[in-house]
Protein backbone atom coordinates (compact mmCIF):
# COMPACT_ATOMS: atom_id res chain seq x y z
CA MET A 1 426.40 -161.92 -91.91
CA GLY A 2 427.34 -161.36 -95.52
CA ARG A 3 424.25 -159.15 -95.94
CA LYS A 4 425.17 -157.01 -92.92
CA MET A 5 428.66 -156.51 -94.30
CA VAL A 6 427.28 -155.28 -97.61
CA VAL A 7 424.97 -152.82 -95.82
CA SER A 8 427.81 -151.57 -93.70
CA ILE A 9 430.03 -151.03 -96.76
CA GLY A 10 427.17 -149.22 -98.53
CA ALA A 11 426.62 -146.98 -95.53
CA VAL A 12 430.30 -146.11 -95.35
CA ALA A 13 430.32 -145.37 -99.09
CA ALA A 14 427.26 -143.15 -98.80
CA LEU A 15 428.81 -141.33 -95.88
CA ALA A 16 432.01 -140.80 -97.86
CA VAL A 17 430.08 -139.42 -100.82
CA PHE A 18 428.17 -137.10 -98.49
CA PHE A 19 431.38 -135.75 -97.02
CA CYS A 20 432.92 -135.30 -100.50
CA VAL A 21 429.90 -133.43 -101.80
CA GLY A 22 429.82 -131.21 -98.70
CA TRP A 23 433.54 -130.49 -99.00
CA TRP A 24 433.17 -129.56 -102.71
CA LEU A 25 430.19 -127.30 -102.06
CA GLY A 26 432.08 -125.58 -99.23
CA ARG A 27 435.08 -124.92 -101.45
CA SER A 28 432.88 -123.68 -104.27
CA THR A 29 431.12 -121.28 -101.94
CA GLU A 30 434.43 -120.08 -100.54
CA ARG A 31 435.83 -119.56 -104.05
CA GLY A 32 432.70 -117.75 -105.10
CA GLU A 33 433.03 -115.28 -102.21
CA VAL A 34 436.68 -114.68 -102.94
CA MET A 35 436.02 -114.09 -106.61
CA THR A 36 433.19 -111.74 -105.80
CA SER A 37 435.37 -109.87 -103.33
CA GLU A 38 438.27 -109.72 -105.76
CA SER A 39 435.93 -108.56 -108.50
CA GLY A 40 434.55 -105.89 -106.18
CA ASP A 41 438.06 -104.81 -105.25
CA SER A 42 438.91 -104.63 -108.90
CA LYS A 43 435.90 -102.44 -109.57
CA GLN A 44 436.73 -100.27 -106.60
CA THR A 45 440.33 -99.88 -107.75
CA ALA A 46 439.21 -98.94 -111.24
CA TRP A 47 436.80 -96.34 -109.77
CA GLU A 48 439.54 -94.93 -107.59
CA SER A 49 441.80 -94.77 -110.64
CA SER A 50 439.09 -92.89 -112.53
CA ASP A 51 438.65 -90.49 -109.61
CA SER A 52 442.40 -90.00 -109.42
CA LYS A 53 442.64 -89.08 -113.07
CA GLN A 54 439.70 -86.72 -112.75
CA MET A 55 441.24 -85.07 -109.69
CA GLU A 56 444.57 -84.77 -111.44
CA SER A 57 442.86 -83.21 -114.42
CA GLU A 58 440.93 -80.84 -112.19
CA GLY A 59 444.02 -80.21 -110.10
CA SER A 60 445.98 -79.10 -113.15
CA SER A 61 443.20 -76.65 -113.85
CA TYR A 62 442.83 -75.42 -110.27
CA GLY A 63 446.57 -75.10 -109.81
CA GLN A 64 446.86 -72.56 -112.63
CA THR A 65 445.48 -69.06 -112.69
CA GLU A 66 443.68 -68.55 -115.91
CA PRO A 67 444.23 -65.11 -117.46
CA GLU A 68 441.28 -62.82 -117.59
CA SER A 69 439.73 -61.97 -120.90
CA GLY A 70 442.18 -60.08 -123.04
CA ASP A 71 445.14 -61.10 -120.87
CA SER A 72 447.87 -63.17 -122.40
CA GLY A 73 448.99 -64.47 -119.03
CA GLN A 74 452.10 -62.31 -119.14
CA THR A 75 452.65 -59.21 -117.05
CA ALA A 76 451.90 -56.14 -119.12
CA PRO A 77 454.22 -53.16 -118.95
CA GLU A 78 453.16 -50.25 -116.73
CA SER A 79 451.24 -47.45 -118.37
CA GLY A 80 452.71 -44.28 -119.14
CA GLY A 81 451.84 -44.78 -122.35
CA SER A 82 454.44 -45.28 -124.03
CA ALA A 83 457.71 -46.84 -123.18
CA PRO A 84 460.13 -44.49 -121.47
CA ASP A 85 461.68 -43.53 -124.83
CA GLY A 86 458.26 -42.35 -126.02
CA LEU A 87 457.23 -40.37 -122.96
CA LEU A 88 457.98 -36.95 -124.42
CA GLU A 89 455.94 -37.70 -127.51
CA ALA A 90 453.04 -38.97 -125.37
CA VAL A 91 453.08 -35.73 -123.37
CA LEU A 92 453.12 -33.58 -126.51
CA LEU A 93 450.17 -35.51 -127.93
CA GLY A 94 448.19 -35.13 -124.71
CA GLU A 95 448.31 -38.87 -124.00
CA ALA A 96 450.27 -38.49 -120.76
CA GLN A 97 450.79 -35.81 -118.14
CA PHE A 98 454.02 -34.17 -117.03
CA LEU A 99 455.14 -32.69 -113.73
CA TYR A 100 455.31 -28.90 -113.88
CA CYS A 101 457.99 -27.56 -111.52
CA SER A 102 457.52 -24.15 -109.99
CA GLU A 103 458.61 -22.65 -106.66
CA GLY A 104 459.92 -25.96 -105.39
CA LYS A 105 456.72 -27.85 -106.12
CA ALA A 106 455.76 -30.31 -108.85
CA GLU A 107 452.19 -30.41 -110.14
CA ALA A 108 450.76 -32.92 -112.63
CA MET A 109 449.66 -31.09 -115.74
CA ASP A 110 448.34 -31.82 -119.20
CA ILE A 111 449.86 -30.20 -122.28
CA SER A 112 446.63 -28.23 -122.77
CA GLY A 113 447.26 -26.38 -119.50
CA ILE A 114 450.50 -24.76 -120.66
CA PRO A 115 449.09 -21.57 -122.30
CA ALA A 116 447.37 -20.60 -119.03
CA LEU A 117 450.77 -20.54 -117.31
CA PHE A 118 451.46 -17.26 -119.11
CA ASP A 119 448.03 -15.67 -119.44
CA GLY A 120 444.90 -17.53 -118.45
CA ALA A 121 442.73 -14.64 -119.60
CA ASP A 122 443.97 -14.68 -123.19
CA PRO A 123 441.90 -17.20 -125.20
CA LEU A 124 444.38 -16.89 -128.08
CA MET A 125 447.39 -17.87 -125.99
CA LYS A 126 448.69 -21.14 -127.41
CA ILE A 127 451.72 -23.29 -128.07
CA PHE A 128 452.90 -21.91 -131.39
CA ASP A 129 455.81 -24.21 -132.23
CA PHE A 130 458.41 -26.52 -130.70
CA ALA A 131 462.05 -27.51 -131.06
CA VAL A 132 463.83 -30.72 -130.06
CA VAL A 133 467.39 -30.03 -128.91
CA ASP A 134 469.95 -31.51 -126.54
CA LEU A 135 470.10 -28.43 -124.34
CA ASP A 136 472.66 -29.61 -121.78
CA GLY A 137 474.88 -31.80 -123.98
CA ASP A 138 474.19 -35.06 -122.14
CA GLY A 139 473.05 -36.93 -125.26
CA LYS A 140 469.34 -36.75 -124.37
CA GLU A 141 467.07 -34.34 -126.18
CA GLU A 142 464.72 -31.91 -124.51
CA VAL A 143 461.69 -30.19 -126.00
CA VAL A 144 461.28 -26.41 -126.03
CA LEU A 145 457.75 -25.08 -126.49
CA PHE A 146 457.24 -21.52 -127.70
CA VAL A 147 454.03 -20.08 -126.24
CA THR A 148 452.58 -16.84 -127.55
CA GLY A 149 449.36 -14.84 -127.45
CA ALA A 150 447.41 -12.63 -129.81
CA ALA A 151 450.01 -9.85 -129.87
CA GLY A 152 452.91 -12.25 -130.38
CA ASP A 153 454.40 -11.43 -127.01
CA MET A 154 453.65 -11.78 -123.31
CA GLY A 155 454.27 -15.49 -123.69
CA GLY A 156 457.36 -17.50 -123.00
CA LYS A 157 458.97 -20.92 -123.27
CA VAL A 158 458.37 -24.24 -121.55
CA ILE A 159 461.11 -26.85 -121.43
CA LEU A 160 460.05 -30.49 -121.21
CA TYR A 161 462.70 -32.97 -120.16
CA GLN A 162 462.80 -36.54 -118.96
CA ALA A 163 464.23 -37.61 -115.62
CA ASP A 164 464.05 -41.34 -114.97
CA SER A 165 460.54 -42.43 -115.91
CA GLU A 166 458.86 -39.03 -115.61
CA VAL A 167 458.61 -35.95 -117.80
CA TYR A 168 459.12 -32.61 -116.06
CA GLY A 169 458.44 -29.11 -117.29
CA CYS A 170 459.76 -25.66 -116.38
CA SER A 171 458.77 -22.29 -117.81
CA THR A 172 460.87 -19.27 -118.72
CA ASP A 173 459.94 -15.82 -119.96
CA ASN A 174 460.10 -14.66 -123.55
CA ARG A 175 463.60 -13.17 -123.10
CA THR A 176 465.17 -16.59 -122.51
CA LEU A 177 466.07 -19.14 -125.16
CA VAL A 178 466.24 -16.41 -127.80
CA ASP A 179 467.94 -17.47 -131.05
CA LEU A 180 468.29 -21.05 -129.83
CA LYS A 181 471.10 -22.93 -131.58
CA LYS A 182 471.43 -26.60 -132.41
CA ASP A 183 474.17 -27.02 -129.82
CA GLY A 184 471.77 -25.85 -127.09
CA THR A 185 473.25 -22.40 -126.53
CA TYR A 186 471.00 -19.35 -126.70
CA SER A 187 470.81 -15.61 -126.11
CA TYR A 188 469.06 -14.05 -123.14
CA SER A 189 468.39 -10.72 -121.47
CA ASP A 190 466.77 -9.49 -118.30
CA PRO A 191 463.06 -8.51 -118.42
CA THR A 192 463.90 -4.91 -119.28
CA GLY A 193 466.59 -5.79 -121.80
CA MET A 194 468.88 -3.13 -120.34
CA ALA A 195 470.42 -4.52 -117.15
CA GLU A 196 471.96 -7.71 -118.52
CA ALA A 197 472.26 -9.67 -121.74
CA GLY A 198 474.39 -12.53 -122.91
CA ILE A 199 474.81 -16.09 -124.09
CA ALA A 200 474.03 -19.13 -121.96
CA ALA A 201 473.38 -22.88 -121.98
CA PHE A 202 471.73 -25.32 -119.63
CA SER A 203 474.17 -27.40 -117.62
CA GLY A 204 471.75 -29.97 -116.26
CA PHE A 205 468.16 -31.03 -115.58
CA SER A 206 466.72 -32.86 -112.58
CA ARG A 207 463.50 -33.33 -110.63
CA GLU A 208 464.24 -30.05 -108.88
CA GLY A 209 464.63 -28.03 -112.08
CA TYR A 210 467.61 -26.94 -114.15
CA THR A 211 470.92 -25.11 -113.87
CA VAL A 212 472.29 -22.53 -116.30
CA ASP A 213 475.85 -21.83 -117.36
CA LYS A 214 476.46 -18.28 -118.60
CA LYS A 215 478.93 -18.35 -121.49
CA ALA A 216 479.15 -14.58 -121.93
CA SER A 217 477.42 -11.63 -120.31
CA ALA A 218 477.22 -7.88 -120.43
CA THR A 219 475.76 -5.80 -117.63
CA GLY A 220 475.02 -2.10 -117.31
CA THR A 221 472.22 0.43 -117.25
CA TYR A 222 469.92 2.07 -119.75
CA GLU A 223 472.91 4.19 -120.73
CA GLY A 224 474.78 1.15 -122.00
CA TRP A 225 476.93 -1.85 -121.06
CA ASP A 226 479.83 -1.23 -118.77
CA SER A 227 480.92 -4.70 -117.60
CA PHE A 228 481.63 -7.85 -119.57
CA ALA A 229 482.49 -11.47 -118.86
CA VAL A 230 483.33 -14.53 -120.96
CA GLU A 231 483.26 -18.07 -119.53
CA GLY A 232 482.93 -16.63 -116.04
CA GLN A 233 486.00 -14.42 -116.34
CA PRO A 234 486.12 -10.62 -116.74
CA ALA A 235 486.50 -9.63 -120.39
CA THR A 236 486.76 -6.59 -122.60
CA GLU A 237 483.90 -5.38 -124.73
CA LYS A 238 485.75 -6.65 -127.82
CA GLU A 239 486.13 -10.14 -126.34
CA TYR A 240 482.46 -10.15 -125.50
CA MET A 241 481.43 -8.99 -128.97
CA ASP A 242 483.68 -11.61 -130.57
CA MET A 243 481.82 -14.25 -128.56
CA VAL A 244 478.52 -12.81 -129.75
CA SER A 245 479.70 -12.91 -133.36
CA ARG A 246 480.71 -16.57 -133.09
CA GLN A 247 477.34 -17.33 -131.52
CA GLU A 248 475.49 -15.75 -134.42
CA GLU A 249 477.36 -17.95 -136.88
CA LYS A 250 476.10 -21.16 -135.27
CA GLN A 251 473.31 -23.14 -136.88
CA ASP A 252 469.84 -22.32 -135.58
CA ALA A 253 467.69 -24.97 -133.96
CA GLU A 254 464.87 -26.25 -136.12
CA TRP A 255 461.38 -25.18 -135.07
CA HIS A 256 458.22 -27.07 -135.99
CA GLU A 257 454.59 -26.09 -135.94
CA PHE A 258 452.91 -27.52 -132.88
CA CYS A 259 450.53 -30.04 -134.43
CA GLU A 260 450.05 -33.79 -134.36
CA GLU A 261 451.50 -34.32 -137.84
CA ALA A 262 454.73 -32.48 -136.99
CA ILE A 263 455.06 -34.27 -133.64
CA ASP A 264 454.64 -37.67 -135.31
CA ALA A 265 457.18 -36.71 -137.98
CA VAL A 266 459.81 -35.57 -135.47
CA PHE A 267 459.43 -38.50 -133.10
């Protein structure tokens, strides 16, 4: 009986050891799976983090528009050459066009096309010189171009002026803007030189052209003047001649040879 008891105790002990070993192996296996899973999750999280950084880096690149070659990324000013204050100079140098106004129309033209306005058949017709004067007294200067041909006549004048962001031009004959003064006043006469003569000034410039204010005038026939006016009012011949005398005493506008060096110096 004692022997059976010992065997029974041994069997129980062996069974207990078996269960303990099985329980330990089960826990170890379970822990191993968890660790592997956690390790895998850790690797996956790190990979996702790497992807996220890469996408953010790429996103910062994709979200911005890279400037093209030669572009600073800032909006460049519109052409015209020059800024608005330099438009007249750009036109004189042939770097920009102007709008020539004639008969209610405006046509884009280059400075080289001006001589043909007076005589397209004369190869010697050219812009001889220019003056920069505030013709209408508004504080902005206009440019007067004197155009002449081989004989020194049959030409005329072209006035270039700026309105907003454009340069406009209008032509006159060679009996206008005679003896131009620094204050913008000038002498004029009709094409024959016998029907009317006087002193005038421009009163304004616009896209449509210009307006003229006659300061003094004398009208008549080839036999002589018989009617006079000063500042729009009837006047005697003496009053008219006094106005002419005062006009002659004014300082003449300064004329410059039409060449690149003179244009650069003036502007």
